[in-house]
PDB file of all heavy atoms in Angstrom:
ATOM      1  N   GLY A   1      78.395 125.187  69.540  1.00  0.00           N
ATOM      2  CA  GLY A   1      78.040 124.568  68.264  1.00  0.00           C
ATOM      3  C   GLY A   1      79.191 124.484  67.276  1.00  0.00           C
ATOM      4  O   GLY A   1      79.196 123.613  66.390  1.00  0.00           O
ATOM      5  N   LEU A   2      80.174 125.374  67.413  1.00  0.00           N
ATOM      6  CA  LEU A   2      81.296 125.372  66.471  1.00  0.00           C
ATOM      7  C   LEU A   2      82.063 124.059  66.503  1.00  0.00           C
ATOM      8  O   LEU A   2      82.541 123.594  65.467  1.00  0.00           O
ATOM      9  CB  LEU A   2      82.249 126.534  66.776  1.00  0.00           C
ATOM     10  CG  LEU A   2      81.835 127.913  66.286  1.00  0.00           C
ATOM     11  CD1 LEU A   2      82.839 128.962  66.743  1.00  0.00           C
ATOM     12  CD2 LEU A   2      81.703 127.942  64.769  1.00  0.00           C
ATOM     13  N   SER A   3      82.181 123.450  67.681  1.00  0.00           N
ATOM     14  CA  SER A   3      82.901 122.170  67.779  1.00  0.00           C
ATOM     15  C   SER A   3      82.208 121.099  66.958  1.00  0.00           C
ATOM     16  O   SER A   3      82.862 120.307  66.268  1.00  0.00           O
ATOM     17  CB  SER A   3      83.007 121.727  69.239  1.00  0.00           C
ATOM     18  OG  SER A   3      83.848 122.587  69.965  1.00  0.00           O
ATOM     19  N   ASP A   4      80.872 121.069  67.034  1.00  0.00           N
ATOM     20  CA  ASP A   4      80.122 120.059  66.269  1.00  0.00           C
ATOM     21  C   ASP A   4      80.258 120.295  64.767  1.00  0.00           C
ATOM     22  O   ASP A   4      80.459 119.353  63.987  1.00  0.00           O
ATOM     23  CB  ASP A   4      78.645 120.090  66.665  1.00  0.00           C
ATOM     24  CG  ASP A   4      78.433 119.743  68.130  1.00  0.00           C
ATOM     25  OD1 ASP A   4      79.255 118.974  68.670  1.00  0.00           O
ATOM     26  OD2 ASP A   4      77.470 120.247  68.738  1.00  0.00           O
ATOM     27  N   ILE A   5      80.172 121.568  64.347  1.00  0.00           N
ATOM     28  CA  ILE A   5      80.317 121.897  62.927  1.00  0.00           C
ATOM     29  C   ILE A   5      81.707 121.502  62.445  1.00  0.00           C
ATOM     30  O   ILE A   5      81.881 120.920  61.369  1.00  0.00           O
ATOM     31  CB  ILE A   5      80.063 123.402  62.705  1.00  0.00           C
ATOM     32  CG1 ILE A   5      78.598 123.749  63.008  1.00  0.00           C
ATOM     33  CG2 ILE A   5      80.438 123.818  61.291  1.00  0.00           C
ATOM     34  CD1 ILE A   5      78.321 125.238  63.106  1.00  0.00           C
ATOM     35  N   LEU A   6      82.706 121.791  63.283  1.00  0.00           N
ATOM     36  CA  LEU A   6      84.090 121.513  62.912  1.00  0.00           C
ATOM     37  C   LEU A   6      84.319 120.014  62.751  1.00  0.00           C
ATOM     38  O   LEU A   6      85.000 119.582  61.810  1.00  0.00           O
ATOM     39  CB  LEU A   6      85.011 122.100  63.973  1.00  0.00           C
ATOM     40  CG  LEU A   6      86.474 122.342  63.632  1.00  0.00           C
ATOM     41  CD1 LEU A   6      86.624 123.131  62.335  1.00  0.00           C
ATOM     42  CD2 LEU A   6      87.151 123.082  64.768  1.00  0.00           C
ATOM     43  N   ARG A   7      83.750 119.218  63.660  1.00  0.00           N
ATOM     44  CA  ARG A   7      83.898 117.763  63.532  1.00  0.00           C
ATOM     45  C   ARG A   7      83.335 117.265  62.203  1.00  0.00           C
ATOM     46  O   ARG A   7      83.933 116.416  61.540  1.00  0.00           O
ATOM     47  CB  ARG A   7      83.192 117.061  64.704  1.00  0.00           C
ATOM     48  CG  ARG A   7      83.981 117.107  65.997  1.00  0.00           C
ATOM     49  CD  ARG A   7      83.383 116.218  67.082  1.00  0.00           C
ATOM     50  NE  ARG A   7      84.194 116.334  68.298  1.00  0.00           N
ATOM     51  CZ  ARG A   7      83.940 117.187  69.289  1.00  0.00           C
ATOM     52  NH1 ARG A   7      82.897 117.997  69.202  1.00  0.00           N
ATOM     53  NH2 ARG A   7      84.728 117.245  70.333  1.00  0.00           N
ATOM     54  N   GLU A   8      82.175 117.813  61.829  1.00  0.00           N
ATOM     55  CA  GLU A   8      81.568 117.415  60.546  1.00  0.00           C
ATOM     56  C   GLU A   8      82.439 117.851  59.377  1.00  0.00           C
ATOM     57  O   GLU A   8      82.626 117.099  58.409  1.00  0.00           O
ATOM     58  CB  GLU A   8      80.170 118.026  60.427  1.00  0.00           C
ATOM     59  CG  GLU A   8      79.166 117.462  61.425  1.00  0.00           C
ATOM     60  CD  GLU A   8      77.882 118.276  61.498  1.00  0.00           C
ATOM     61  OE1 GLU A   8      77.701 119.171  60.646  1.00  0.00           O
ATOM     62  OE2 GLU A   8      77.074 118.019  62.405  1.00  0.00           O
ATOM     63  N   ASP A   9      82.994 119.068  59.457  1.00  0.00           N
ATOM     64  CA  ASP A   9      83.844 119.570  58.376  1.00  0.00           C
ATOM     65  C   ASP A   9      85.111 118.733  58.241  1.00  0.00           C
ATOM     66  O   ASP A   9      85.548 118.423  57.121  1.00  0.00           O
ATOM     67  CB  ASP A   9      84.232 121.037  58.633  1.00  0.00           C
ATOM     68  CG  ASP A   9      83.079 121.998  58.422  1.00  0.00           C
ATOM     69  OD1 ASP A   9      82.025 121.540  57.927  1.00  0.00           O
ATOM     70  OD2 ASP A   9      83.223 123.191  58.749  1.00  0.00           O
ATOM     71  N   ILE A  10      85.714 118.360  59.389  1.00  0.00           N
ATOM     72  CA  ILE A  10      86.940 117.560  59.356  1.00  0.00           C
ATOM     73  C   ILE A  10      86.645 116.192  58.745  1.00  0.00           C
ATOM     74  O   ILE A  10      87.429 115.675  57.937  1.00  0.00           O
ATOM     75  CB  ILE A  10      87.536 117.430  60.771  1.00  0.00           C
ATOM     76  CG1 ILE A  10      88.083 118.790  61.242  1.00  0.00           C
ATOM     77  CG2 ILE A  10      88.637 116.371  60.809  1.00  0.00           C
ATOM     78  CD1 ILE A  10      88.433 118.842  62.721  1.00  0.00           C
ATOM     79  N   ALA A  11      85.507 115.610  59.108  1.00  0.00           N
ATOM     80  CA  ALA A  11      85.126 114.302  58.561  1.00  0.00           C
ATOM     81  C   ALA A  11      84.972 114.373  57.043  1.00  0.00           C
ATOM     82  O   ALA A  11      85.195 113.380  56.336  1.00  0.00           O
ATOM     83  CB  ALA A  11      83.835 113.819  59.213  1.00  0.00           C
ATOM     84  N   ALA A  12      84.613 115.557  56.547  1.00  0.00           N
ATOM     85  CA  ALA A  12      84.434 115.735  55.096  1.00  0.00           C
ATOM     86  C   ALA A  12      85.716 116.232  54.429  1.00  0.00           C
ATOM     87  O   ALA A  12      85.695 116.629  53.258  1.00  0.00           O
ATOM     88  CB  ALA A  12      83.300 116.727  54.844  1.00  0.00           C
ATOM     89  N   GLY A  13      86.838 116.229  55.197  1.00  0.00           N
ATOM     90  CA  GLY A  13      88.118 116.631  54.621  1.00  0.00           C
ATOM     91  C   GLY A  13      88.458 118.092  54.799  1.00  0.00           C
ATOM     92  O   GLY A  13      89.386 118.600  54.155  1.00  0.00           O
ATOM     93  N   GLY A  14      87.733 118.768  55.677  1.00  0.00           N
ATOM     94  CA  GLY A  14      87.961 120.198  55.890  1.00  0.00           C
ATOM     95  C   GLY A  14      89.113 120.465  56.844  1.00  0.00           C
ATOM     96  O   GLY A  14      89.722 119.548  57.389  1.00  0.00           O
ATOM     97  N   PRO A  15      89.420 121.760  57.070  1.00  0.00           N
ATOM     98  CA  PRO A  15      90.552 122.142  57.928  1.00  0.00           C
ATOM     99  C   PRO A  15      90.247 121.895  59.408  1.00  0.00           C
ATOM    100  O   PRO A  15      89.083 121.829  59.811  1.00  0.00           O
ATOM    101  CB  PRO A  15      90.716 123.641  57.650  1.00  0.00           C
ATOM    102  CG  PRO A  15      89.356 124.101  57.231  1.00  0.00           C
ATOM    103  CD  PRO A  15      88.732 122.941  56.502  1.00  0.00           C
ATOM    104  N   PRO A  16      91.292 121.790  60.250  1.00  0.00           N
ATOM    105  CA  PRO A  16      91.096 121.471  61.672  1.00  0.00           C
ATOM    106  C   PRO A  16      90.745 122.666  62.549  1.00  0.00           C
ATOM    107  O   PRO A  16      90.545 122.503  63.746  1.00  0.00           O
ATOM    108  CB  PRO A  16      92.452 120.888  62.088  1.00  0.00           C
ATOM    109  CG  PRO A  16      93.432 121.545  61.182  1.00  0.00           C
ATOM    110  CD  PRO A  16      92.723 121.764  59.873  1.00  0.00           C
ATOM    111  N   HIS A  17      90.691 123.860  61.971  1.00  0.00           N
ATOM    112  CA  HIS A  17      90.395 125.056  62.760  1.00  0.00           C
ATOM    113  C   HIS A  17      89.310 125.887  62.087  1.00  0.00           C
ATOM    114  O   HIS A  17      89.171 125.868  60.868  1.00  0.00           O
ATOM    115  CB  HIS A  17      91.651 125.922  62.944  1.00  0.00           C
ATOM    116  CG  HIS A  17      92.766 125.228  63.630  1.00  0.00           C
ATOM    117  ND1 HIS A  17      93.746 124.545  62.947  1.00  0.00           N
ATOM    118  CD2 HIS A  17      93.053 125.083  64.950  1.00  0.00           C
ATOM    119  CE1 HIS A  17      94.584 124.006  63.807  1.00  0.00           C
ATOM    120  NE2 HIS A  17      94.191 124.307  65.029  1.00  0.00           N
ATOM    121  N   PHE A  18      88.561 126.626  62.917  1.00  0.00           N
ATOM    122  CA  PHE A  18      87.531 127.535  62.415  1.00  0.00           C
ATOM    123  C   PHE A  18      87.843 128.928  62.959  1.00  0.00           C
ATOM    124  O   PHE A  18      87.910 129.126  64.179  1.00  0.00           O
ATOM    125  CB  PHE A  18      86.139 127.077  62.893  1.00  0.00           C
ATOM    126  CG  PHE A  18      85.010 127.919  62.372  1.00  0.00           C
ATOM    127  CD1 PHE A  18      84.316 127.548  61.234  1.00  0.00           C
ATOM    128  CD2 PHE A  18      84.635 129.093  63.033  1.00  0.00           C
ATOM    129  CE1 PHE A  18      83.267 128.329  60.752  1.00  0.00           C
ATOM    130  CE2 PHE A  18      83.593 129.884  62.558  1.00  0.00           C
ATOM    131  CZ  PHE A  18      82.914 129.500  61.418  1.00  0.00           C
ATOM    132  N   LEU A  19      88.070 129.882  62.068  1.00  0.00           N
ATOM    133  CA  LEU A  19      88.438 131.237  62.482  1.00  0.00           C
ATOM    134  C   LEU A  19      87.208 131.999  62.982  1.00  0.00           C
ATOM    135  O   LEU A  19      86.192 132.062  62.288  1.00  0.00           O
ATOM    136  CB  LEU A  19      89.031 132.014  61.298  1.00  0.00           C
ATOM    137  CG  LEU A  19      90.513 131.836  60.978  1.00  0.00           C
ATOM    138  CD1 LEU A  19      90.854 132.614  59.719  1.00  0.00           C
ATOM    139  CD2 LEU A  19      91.397 132.301  62.129  1.00  0.00           C
ATOM    140  N   VAL A  20      87.325 132.591  64.175  1.00  0.00           N
ATOM    141  CA  VAL A  20      86.256 133.472  64.657  1.00  0.00           C
ATOM    142  C   VAL A  20      86.654 134.944  64.532  1.00  0.00           C
ATOM    143  O   VAL A  20      85.796 135.822  64.554  1.00  0.00           O
ATOM    144  CB  VAL A  20      85.833 133.160  66.109  1.00  0.00           C
ATOM    145  CG1 VAL A  20      85.273 131.756  66.211  1.00  0.00           C
ATOM    146  CG2 VAL A  20      86.991 133.337  67.086  1.00  0.00           C
ATOM    147  N   ASP A  21      87.951 135.211  64.434  1.00  0.00           N
ATOM    148  CA  ASP A  21      88.434 136.524  64.008  1.00  0.00           C
ATOM    149  C   ASP A  21      89.826 136.283  63.426  1.00  0.00           C
ATOM    150  O   ASP A  21      90.309 135.148  63.442  1.00  0.00           O
ATOM    151  CB  ASP A  21      88.358 137.566  65.142  1.00  0.00           C
ATOM    152  CG  ASP A  21      89.561 137.630  66.082  1.00  0.00           C
ATOM    153  OD1 ASP A  21      90.468 136.774  65.979  1.00  0.00           O
ATOM    154  OD2 ASP A  21      89.600 138.531  66.927  1.00  0.00           O
ATOM    155  N   PRO A  22      90.484 137.296  62.849  1.00  0.00           N
ATOM    156  CA  PRO A  22      91.718 137.011  62.111  1.00  0.00           C
ATOM    157  C   PRO A  22      92.809 136.286  62.894  1.00  0.00           C
ATOM    158  O   PRO A  22      93.631 135.592  62.292  1.00  0.00           O
ATOM    159  CB  PRO A  22      92.180 138.406  61.672  1.00  0.00           C
ATOM    160  CG  PRO A  22      90.920 139.194  61.542  1.00  0.00           C
ATOM    161  CD  PRO A  22      90.036 138.697  62.648  1.00  0.00           C
ATOM    162  N   ASP A  23      92.846 136.444  64.238  1.00  0.00           N
ATOM    163  CA  ASP A  23      93.911 135.766  64.998  1.00  0.00           C
ATOM    164  C   ASP A  23      93.371 134.810  66.048  1.00  0.00           C
ATOM    165  O   ASP A  23      94.100 134.393  66.939  1.00  0.00           O
ATOM    166  CB  ASP A  23      94.848 136.802  65.644  1.00  0.00           C
ATOM    167  CG  ASP A  23      94.123 137.776  66.569  1.00  0.00           C
ATOM    168  OD1 ASP A  23      92.967 137.490  66.944  1.00  0.00           O
ATOM    169  OD2 ASP A  23      94.706 138.818  66.919  1.00  0.00           O
ATOM    170  N   THR A  24      92.104 134.449  65.957  1.00  0.00           N
ATOM    171  CA  THR A  24      91.452 133.627  66.991  1.00  0.00           C
ATOM    172  C   THR A  24      90.646 132.526  66.323  1.00  0.00           C
ATOM    173  O   THR A  24      89.792 132.808  65.480  1.00  0.00           O
ATOM    174  CB  THR A  24      90.526 134.501  67.861  1.00  0.00           C
ATOM    175  OG1 THR A  24      91.257 135.638  68.319  1.00  0.00           O
ATOM    176  CG2 THR A  24      89.990 133.718  69.047  1.00  0.00           C
TER     177      THR A  24
END
């Protein structure tokens, strides 16, 4: 599901990555 959320965020001008822990 994170990929779908990320696509929506990017379309709204958000960042290209979603952190799942501080280095991942």
